[in-house]
Structures are given as C-alpha cells and as structure tokens.
Amino acid sequence: MTKFNAPEIPADQNEIKVKLIFYIETDGSLTEITAEGETEEIRNEIIPVMKLMPIWKPATTNGDPVRSKFIMPISIRVTKDNLFKK
C-alpha cells in the first residue's frame, strides 16, 4: 500500500478527526501505532499508512536518544471535491 484509501464519507460530514498514538524508538522507528476516533474503517486505514513513514529523529536526553511517546491529532477537511464515490 502506498496511499490512504479513504472510506465512504457521509455527504454531510465536513471533517474527519483521528488521534494517532505511537512510540518513536531510539533508532527513529515507529512502534505500537494505534488510532482513536471516527470509524474503525478509518482507523484501520490510517495505521498502515503510518507504518510507511520514514525514520523519525528520536528525542534525546543529555545527548542520548530516548524512546518517546507521541500523540498526533489529525483533522482532514472533507469537501464535495474530495469525497470518494464508490
């Protein structure tokens, strides 16, 4: 998979909100990726996309890389131009 395949979205919905929770390991890889919010279909689609992310720069303490938890809220504005029709 190389892209986000948006599920069918109700025509009256104008925003999708998801909160991604994951850890950035000392080598910059992402682990324990979970998603909260919206529908299960959206959560299940966004996690594989996150796994495609390149290596991140890890947090440091006293110059040494440390494992850190990251919470990333995402809001996707939905317009009639970007609605997916199935």
N, C-alpha and C. Protein backbone atom coordinates (compact mmCIF):
# COMPACT_ATOMS: atom_id res chain seq x y z
N MET A 1 0.84 -1.17 0.00
CA MET A 1 0.00 0.00 0.00
C MET A 1 0.89 1.24 0.00
N THR A 2 0.54 2.20 -0.84
CA THR A 2 1.34 3.42 -0.91
C THR A 2 0.53 4.68 -0.68
N LYS A 3 -0.78 4.55 -0.40
CA LYS A 3 -1.58 5.74 -0.19
C LYS A 3 -2.75 5.44 0.73
N PHE A 4 -3.38 6.50 1.21
CA PHE A 4 -4.54 6.40 2.07
C PHE A 4 -5.77 6.20 1.20
N ASN A 5 -6.49 5.12 1.38
CA ASN A 5 -7.73 4.86 0.66
C ASN A 5 -8.88 5.26 1.56
N ALA A 6 -9.40 6.43 1.34
CA ALA A 6 -10.46 6.96 2.19
C ALA A 6 -11.72 6.13 2.05
N PRO A 7 -12.32 5.80 3.19
CA PRO A 7 -13.60 5.08 3.13
C PRO A 7 -14.71 6.03 2.70
N GLU A 8 -15.87 5.47 2.44
CA GLU A 8 -17.02 6.31 2.08
C GLU A 8 -17.35 7.23 3.25
N ILE A 9 -17.56 8.50 2.95
CA ILE A 9 -17.80 9.51 3.97
C ILE A 9 -19.18 10.10 3.73
N PRO A 10 -20.00 10.23 4.77
CA PRO A 10 -21.32 10.84 4.59
C PRO A 10 -21.21 12.23 3.99
N ALA A 11 -22.13 12.56 3.09
CA ALA A 11 -22.08 13.85 2.38
C ALA A 11 -22.18 15.05 3.32
N ASP A 12 -22.81 14.87 4.49
CA ASP A 12 -22.97 16.00 5.41
C ASP A 12 -21.80 16.17 6.38
N GLN A 13 -20.81 15.29 6.30
CA GLN A 13 -19.66 15.38 7.19
C GLN A 13 -18.60 16.28 6.56
N ASN A 14 -18.09 17.25 7.32
CA ASN A 14 -17.12 18.18 6.75
C ASN A 14 -15.71 18.04 7.34
N GLU A 15 -15.53 17.12 8.28
CA GLU A 15 -14.21 16.94 8.87
C GLU A 15 -14.09 15.53 9.47
N ILE A 16 -12.92 14.96 9.31
CA ILE A 16 -12.59 13.67 9.92
C ILE A 16 -11.51 13.93 10.94
N LYS A 17 -11.71 13.44 12.16
CA LYS A 17 -10.70 13.63 13.22
C LYS A 17 -10.22 12.28 13.72
N VAL A 18 -8.91 12.14 13.78
CA VAL A 18 -8.27 10.92 14.26
C VAL A 18 -7.09 11.33 15.14
N LYS A 19 -6.88 10.58 16.21
CA LYS A 19 -5.71 10.83 17.06
C LYS A 19 -4.82 9.59 16.97
N LEU A 20 -3.60 9.79 16.46
CA LEU A 20 -2.61 8.71 16.36
C LEU A 20 -1.75 8.71 17.60
N ILE A 21 -1.51 7.53 18.15
CA ILE A 21 -0.66 7.39 19.33
C ILE A 21 0.40 6.35 18.98
N PHE A 22 1.67 6.70 19.19
CA PHE A 22 2.74 5.78 18.84
C PHE A 22 4.00 6.14 19.62
N TYR A 23 4.98 5.26 19.54
CA TYR A 23 6.28 5.50 20.17
C TYR A 23 7.33 5.68 19.09
N ILE A 24 8.26 6.59 19.35
CA ILE A 24 9.43 6.77 18.49
C ILE A 24 10.59 6.13 19.24
N GLU A 25 11.13 5.08 18.66
CA GLU A 25 12.20 4.33 19.31
C GLU A 25 13.53 5.07 19.16
N THR A 26 14.54 4.62 19.87
CA THR A 26 15.86 5.28 19.84
C THR A 26 16.48 5.26 18.45
N ASP A 27 16.08 4.30 17.59
CA ASP A 27 16.60 4.25 16.22
C ASP A 27 15.74 5.06 15.25
N GLY A 28 14.66 5.70 15.75
CA GLY A 28 13.79 6.51 14.92
C GLY A 28 12.62 5.78 14.31
N SER A 29 12.52 4.48 14.54
CA SER A 29 11.38 3.73 14.01
C SER A 29 10.13 3.99 14.85
N LEU A 30 8.96 3.78 14.25
CA LEU A 30 7.70 3.97 14.93
C LEU A 30 7.14 2.61 15.35
N THR A 31 6.68 2.51 16.60
CA THR A 31 6.13 1.24 17.10
C THR A 31 4.84 1.51 17.86
N GLU A 32 4.11 0.45 18.13
CA GLU A 32 2.87 0.49 18.91
C GLU A 32 1.90 1.55 18.41
N ILE A 33 1.71 1.59 17.10
CA ILE A 33 0.85 2.60 16.48
C ILE A 33 -0.62 2.22 16.70
N THR A 34 -1.37 3.14 17.29
CA THR A 34 -2.81 2.96 17.46
C THR A 34 -3.50 4.25 17.02
N ALA A 35 -4.80 4.14 16.76
CA ALA A 35 -5.58 5.31 16.35
C ALA A 35 -6.88 5.34 17.13
N GLU A 36 -7.32 6.55 17.47
CA GLU A 36 -8.59 6.75 18.16
C GLU A 36 -9.43 7.72 17.35
N GLY A 37 -10.76 7.56 17.45
CA GLY A 37 -11.67 8.50 16.82
C GLY A 37 -12.27 7.97 15.55
N GLU A 38 -13.34 8.66 15.10
CA GLU A 38 -14.07 8.35 13.87
C GLU A 38 -14.42 6.86 13.81
N THR A 39 -14.43 6.29 12.63
CA THR A 39 -14.88 4.91 12.45
C THR A 39 -13.70 3.94 12.46
N GLU A 40 -14.01 2.69 12.70
CA GLU A 40 -12.99 1.65 12.69
C GLU A 40 -12.35 1.55 11.31
N GLU A 41 -13.14 1.76 10.27
CA GLU A 41 -12.64 1.70 8.90
C GLU A 41 -11.53 2.73 8.67
N ILE A 42 -11.72 3.94 9.18
CA ILE A 42 -10.70 4.99 9.03
C ILE A 42 -9.47 4.66 9.87
N ARG A 43 -9.69 4.22 11.11
CA ARG A 43 -8.55 3.86 11.97
C ARG A 43 -7.72 2.74 11.34
N ASN A 44 -8.39 1.75 10.78
CA ASN A 44 -7.68 0.63 10.16
C ASN A 44 -6.95 1.02 8.89
N GLU A 45 -7.37 2.09 8.25
CA GLU A 45 -6.70 2.55 7.03
C GLU A 45 -5.49 3.42 7.34
N ILE A 46 -5.58 4.22 8.38
CA ILE A 46 -4.51 5.18 8.67
C ILE A 46 -3.27 4.52 9.31
N ILE A 47 -3.45 3.43 10.04
CA ILE A 47 -2.31 2.78 10.69
C ILE A 47 -1.31 2.23 9.67
N PRO A 48 -1.73 1.50 8.63
CA PRO A 48 -0.75 1.05 7.63
C PRO A 48 -0.03 2.19 6.93
N VAL A 49 -0.72 3.32 6.73
CA VAL A 49 -0.08 4.48 6.11
C VAL A 49 1.03 5.00 7.02
N MET A 50 0.77 5.04 8.33
CA MET A 50 1.80 5.49 9.28
C MET A 50 3.01 4.57 9.27
N LYS A 51 2.79 3.29 9.05
CA LYS A 51 3.91 2.34 9.01
C LYS A 51 4.83 2.58 7.82
N LEU A 52 4.38 3.34 6.83
CA LEU A 52 5.20 3.66 5.67
C LEU A 52 6.09 4.88 5.89
N MET A 53 5.90 5.56 7.03
CA MET A 53 6.67 6.77 7.32
C MET A 53 8.16 6.46 7.37
N PRO A 54 8.97 7.41 6.92
CA PRO A 54 10.42 7.22 7.05
C PRO A 54 10.84 7.32 8.52
N ILE A 55 12.08 7.02 8.78
CA ILE A 55 12.63 7.08 10.14
C ILE A 55 12.50 8.52 10.67
N TRP A 56 12.08 8.64 11.93
CA TRP A 56 11.96 9.94 12.58
C TRP A 56 13.22 10.21 13.39
N LYS A 57 13.44 11.45 13.73
CA LYS A 57 14.55 11.81 14.60
C LYS A 57 14.07 11.61 16.04
N PRO A 58 14.72 10.72 16.80
CA PRO A 58 14.25 10.44 18.16
C PRO A 58 14.54 11.60 19.13
N ALA A 59 13.78 11.62 20.20
CA ALA A 59 14.03 12.60 21.27
C ALA A 59 15.37 12.26 21.91
N THR A 60 15.97 13.24 22.57
CA THR A 60 17.24 13.00 23.25
C THR A 60 17.19 13.54 24.67
N THR A 61 17.92 12.90 25.53
CA THR A 61 18.13 13.37 26.89
C THR A 61 19.64 13.35 27.13
N ASN A 62 20.19 14.49 27.47
CA ASN A 62 21.64 14.61 27.66
C ASN A 62 22.42 14.13 26.44
N GLY A 63 21.86 14.37 25.26
CA GLY A 63 22.52 14.00 24.02
C GLY A 63 22.32 12.57 23.57
N ASP A 64 21.65 11.75 24.39
CA ASP A 64 21.42 10.35 24.04
C ASP A 64 19.98 10.15 23.57
N PRO A 65 19.79 9.37 22.49
CA PRO A 65 18.43 9.13 22.02
C PRO A 65 17.63 8.34 23.06
N VAL A 66 16.35 8.70 23.20
CA VAL A 66 15.47 8.01 24.14
C VAL A 66 14.15 7.67 23.44
N ARG A 67 13.50 6.63 23.91
CA ARG A 67 12.19 6.24 23.42
C ARG A 67 11.18 7.27 23.92
N SER A 68 10.27 7.70 23.04
CA SER A 68 9.29 8.69 23.46
C SER A 68 7.93 8.38 22.87
N LYS A 69 6.90 8.77 23.61
CA LYS A 69 5.53 8.60 23.16
C LYS A 69 5.11 9.87 22.43
N PHE A 70 4.36 9.69 21.34
CA PHE A 70 3.93 10.83 20.53
C PHE A 70 2.43 10.68 20.27
N ILE A 71 1.69 11.76 20.48
CA ILE A 71 0.27 11.79 20.17
C ILE A 71 0.07 12.85 19.10
N MET A 72 -0.47 12.42 17.96
CA MET A 72 -0.61 13.33 16.83
C MET A 72 -2.08 13.41 16.40
N PRO A 73 -2.74 14.53 16.71
CA PRO A 73 -4.11 14.70 16.23
C PRO A 73 -4.11 15.07 14.75
N ILE A 74 -5.02 14.48 14.00
CA ILE A 74 -5.13 14.75 12.58
C ILE A 74 -6.56 15.16 12.27
N SER A 75 -6.72 16.24 11.55
CA SER A 75 -8.03 16.68 11.07
C SER A 75 -7.95 16.75 9.55
N ILE A 76 -8.87 16.07 8.90
CA ILE A 76 -8.93 16.08 7.44
C ILE A 76 -10.22 16.78 7.05
N ARG A 77 -10.09 17.89 6.37
CA ARG A 77 -11.27 18.63 5.93
C ARG A 77 -11.86 17.93 4.70
N VAL A 78 -13.15 17.68 4.75
CA VAL A 78 -13.84 16.99 3.67
C VAL A 78 -14.69 18.01 2.92
N THR A 79 -14.50 18.05 1.62
CA THR A 79 -15.32 18.92 0.77
C THR A 79 -15.96 18.07 -0.31
N LYS A 80 -16.93 18.62 -1.00
CA LYS A 80 -17.57 17.84 -2.05
C LYS A 80 -16.58 17.49 -3.16
N ASP A 81 -15.49 18.26 -3.29
CA ASP A 81 -14.48 17.97 -4.31
C ASP A 81 -13.60 16.78 -3.97
N ASN A 82 -13.46 16.47 -2.66
CA ASN A 82 -12.60 15.35 -2.30
C ASN A 82 -13.36 14.18 -1.70
N LEU A 83 -14.68 14.14 -1.87
CA LEU A 83 -15.45 12.97 -1.45
C LEU A 83 -15.18 11.83 -2.42
N PHE A 84 -15.01 10.64 -1.89
CA PHE A 84 -14.78 9.47 -2.72
C PHE A 84 -16.12 8.79 -2.97
N LYS A 85 -16.40 8.49 -4.20
CA LYS A 85 -17.65 7.82 -4.54
C LYS A 85 -17.33 6.36 -4.86
N LYS A 86 -18.13 5.48 -4.30
CA LYS A 86 -17.90 4.04 -4.54
C LYS A 86 -18.97 3.48 -5.42
